[in-house]
Amino acid sequence: MEVADALAESECRGRVREFILHLRGAAACEIIPATREWLDRALDLYHQHADKGWTLTDCVSFVIMRERNVTDALTGDKHFEQAGFAALFN
């Protein structure tokens, strides 16, 4: 979702579906569907940080990343840094 959100208004939008399908087949990549529990926790985080511009998609990512001890995000989104992660495209 983060990739699709980031590319929604770019010239690459037309290739997002193909890219995500490619990622699904890549052995080194895991696409994790948000569970109801993760969504509930993300909603709490979203509410707790109303002073930030974090999207609900961001918050779902933050919850999953924290649970899985992931510290680096393949993003340039400053919100990941605000949440304590390393945004690798900065």
C-alpha atoms as a PDB file:
ATOM      1  CA  MET A   1       0.000   0.000   0.000  1.00  0.00           C
ATOM      2  CA  GLU A   2       2.857   2.371   0.786  1.00  0.00           C
ATOM      3  CA  VAL A   3       4.314   1.936  -2.702  1.00  0.00           C
ATOM      4  CA  ALA A   4       0.964   2.462  -4.417  1.00  0.00           C
ATOM      5  CA  ASP A   5       0.211   5.494  -2.235  1.00  0.00           C
ATOM      6  CA  ALA A   6       3.596   7.053  -2.969  1.00  0.00           C
ATOM      7  CA  LEU A   7       3.219   6.568  -6.718  1.00  0.00           C
ATOM      8  CA  ALA A   8      -0.465   7.485  -6.999  1.00  0.00           C
ATOM      9  CA  GLU A   9       0.213  10.862  -8.610  1.00  0.00           C
ATOM     10  CA  SER A  10       3.390   9.963 -10.474  1.00  0.00           C
ATOM     11  CA  GLU A  11       4.119   8.983 -14.036  1.00  0.00           C
ATOM     12  CA  CYS A  12       4.803   5.467 -12.687  1.00  0.00           C
ATOM     13  CA  ARG A  13       1.213   4.883 -11.549  1.00  0.00           C
ATOM     14  CA  GLY A  14       0.439   2.765 -14.612  1.00  0.00           C
ATOM     15  CA  ARG A  15       3.157   0.278 -13.639  1.00  0.00           C
ATOM     16  CA  VAL A  16       2.266  -0.096  -9.945  1.00  0.00           C
ATOM     17  CA  ARG A  17       0.087  -3.184 -10.443  1.00  0.00           C
ATOM     18  CA  GLU A  18       2.813  -4.959 -12.415  1.00  0.00           C
ATOM     19  CA  PHE A  19       5.424  -4.005  -9.799  1.00  0.00           C
ATOM     20  CA  ILE A  20       3.348  -5.313  -6.900  1.00  0.00           C
ATOM     21  CA  LEU A  21       2.633  -8.565  -8.746  1.00  0.00           C
ATOM     22  CA  HIS A  22       6.384  -8.876  -9.317  1.00  0.00           C
ATOM     23  CA  LEU A  23       7.047  -8.346  -5.600  1.00  0.00           C
ATOM     24  CA  ARG A  24       4.521 -11.051  -4.725  1.00  0.00           C
ATOM     25  CA  GLY A  25       6.591 -13.545  -6.692  1.00  0.00           C
ATOM     26  CA  ALA A  26       9.974 -12.449  -5.324  1.00  0.00           C
ATOM     27  CA  ALA A  27      11.448 -14.837  -2.772  1.00  0.00           C
ATOM     28  CA  ALA A  28      13.162 -11.981  -0.912  1.00  0.00           C
ATOM     29  CA  CYS A  29       9.938 -10.023  -0.467  1.00  0.00           C
ATOM     30  CA  GLU A  30       6.983 -10.644   1.819  1.00  0.00           C
ATOM     31  CA  ILE A  31       3.756  -8.723   1.388  1.00  0.00           C
ATOM     32  CA  ILE A  32       1.928  -8.710   4.697  1.00  0.00           C
ATOM     33  CA  PRO A  33      -1.833  -8.200   4.735  1.00  0.00           C
ATOM     34  CA  ALA A  34      -3.061  -6.081   7.623  1.00  0.00           C
ATOM     35  CA  THR A  35      -5.026  -8.094  10.157  1.00  0.00           C
ATOM     36  CA  ARG A  36      -7.919  -6.662  12.131  1.00  0.00           C
ATOM     37  CA  GLU A  37      -5.664  -6.511  15.224  1.00  0.00           C
ATOM     38  CA  TRP A  38      -2.992  -4.550  13.375  1.00  0.00           C
ATOM     39  CA  LEU A  39      -5.615  -2.211  11.934  1.00  0.00           C
ATOM     40  CA  ASP A  40      -7.059  -1.619  15.408  1.00  0.00           C
ATOM     41  CA  ARG A  41      -3.588  -0.847  16.772  1.00  0.00           C
ATOM     42  CA  ALA A  42      -2.895   1.413  13.786  1.00  0.00           C
ATOM     43  CA  LEU A  43      -6.144   3.296  14.412  1.00  0.00           C
ATOM     44  CA  ASP A  44      -5.044   3.859  18.013  1.00  0.00           C
ATOM     45  CA  LEU A  45      -1.646   5.122  16.840  1.00  0.00           C
ATOM     46  CA  TYR A  46      -3.315   7.348  14.229  1.00  0.00           C
ATOM     47  CA  HIS A  47      -5.529   8.851  16.942  1.00  0.00           C
ATOM     48  CA  GLN A  48      -2.672   9.268  19.443  1.00  0.00           C
ATOM     49  CA  HIS A  49      -0.586  11.196  16.909  1.00  0.00           C
ATOM     50  CA  ALA A  50      -3.229  13.537  15.515  1.00  0.00           C
ATOM     51  CA  ASP A  51      -0.596  16.291  15.571  1.00  0.00           C
ATOM     52  CA  LYS A  52       1.332  14.495  12.810  1.00  0.00           C
ATOM     53  CA  GLY A  53       0.474  14.120   9.125  1.00  0.00           C
ATOM     54  CA  TRP A  54       0.682  10.342   9.408  1.00  0.00           C
ATOM     55  CA  THR A  55      -1.736   8.434   7.207  1.00  0.00           C
ATOM     56  CA  LEU A  56      -3.521   5.323   8.401  1.00  0.00           C
ATOM     57  CA  THR A  57      -1.381   3.424   5.876  1.00  0.00           C
ATOM     58  CA  ASP A  58       1.715   4.831   7.612  1.00  0.00           C
ATOM     59  CA  CYS A  59       0.391   3.713  10.981  1.00  0.00           C
ATOM     60  CA  VAL A  60      -0.320   0.169   9.753  1.00  0.00           C
ATOM     61  CA  SER A  61       3.260   0.021   8.477  1.00  0.00           C
ATOM     62  CA  PHE A  62       4.615   1.333  11.794  1.00  0.00           C
ATOM     63  CA  VAL A  63       2.692  -1.257  13.822  1.00  0.00           C
ATOM     64  CA  ILE A  64       3.820  -4.162  11.635  1.00  0.00           C
ATOM     65  CA  MET A  65       7.409  -2.943  11.472  1.00  0.00           C
ATOM     66  CA  ARG A  66       7.623  -2.569  15.250  1.00  0.00           C
ATOM     67  CA  GLU A  67       6.154  -6.020  15.817  1.00  0.00           C
ATOM     68  CA  ARG A  68       8.671  -7.542  13.411  1.00  0.00           C
ATOM     69  CA  ASN A  69      11.624  -5.453  14.690  1.00  0.00           C
ATOM     70  CA  VAL A  70      12.167  -3.792  11.314  1.00  0.00           C
ATOM     71  CA  THR A  71      14.077  -0.523  11.627  1.00  0.00           C
ATOM     72  CA  ASP A  72      14.733   0.486   8.004  1.00  0.00           C
ATOM     73  CA  ALA A  73      12.052   1.542   5.544  1.00  0.00           C
ATOM     74  CA  LEU A  74      12.516   1.666   1.785  1.00  0.00           C
ATOM     75  CA  THR A  75      10.917   5.100   1.622  1.00  0.00           C
ATOM     76  CA  GLY A  76      11.646   8.791   1.581  1.00  0.00           C
ATOM     77  CA  ASP A  77       8.564   9.506   3.690  1.00  0.00           C
ATOM     78  CA  LYS A  78       9.607  11.740   6.590  1.00  0.00           C
ATOM     79  CA  HIS A  79       6.809  10.270   8.698  1.00  0.00           C
ATOM     80  CA  PHE A  80       8.818   7.071   9.087  1.00  0.00           C
ATOM     81  CA  GLU A  81      11.663   9.079  10.597  1.00  0.00           C
ATOM     82  CA  GLN A  82       9.218  10.883  12.903  1.00  0.00           C
ATOM     83  CA  ALA A  83       8.090   7.447  14.094  1.00  0.00           C
ATOM     84  CA  GLY A  84      11.680   6.376  14.803  1.00  0.00           C
ATOM     85  CA  PHE A  85      12.563   4.421  11.660  1.00  0.00           C
ATOM     86  CA  ALA A  86      15.354   5.009   9.147  1.00  0.00           C
ATOM     87  CA  ALA A  87      13.931   6.222   5.821  1.00  0.00           C
ATOM     88  CA  LEU A  88      16.470   4.871   3.330  1.00  0.00           C
ATOM     89  CA  PHE A  89      15.551   7.267   0.500  1.00  0.00           C
ATOM     90  CA  ASN A  90      16.516  10.461   2.341  1.00  0.00           C
END
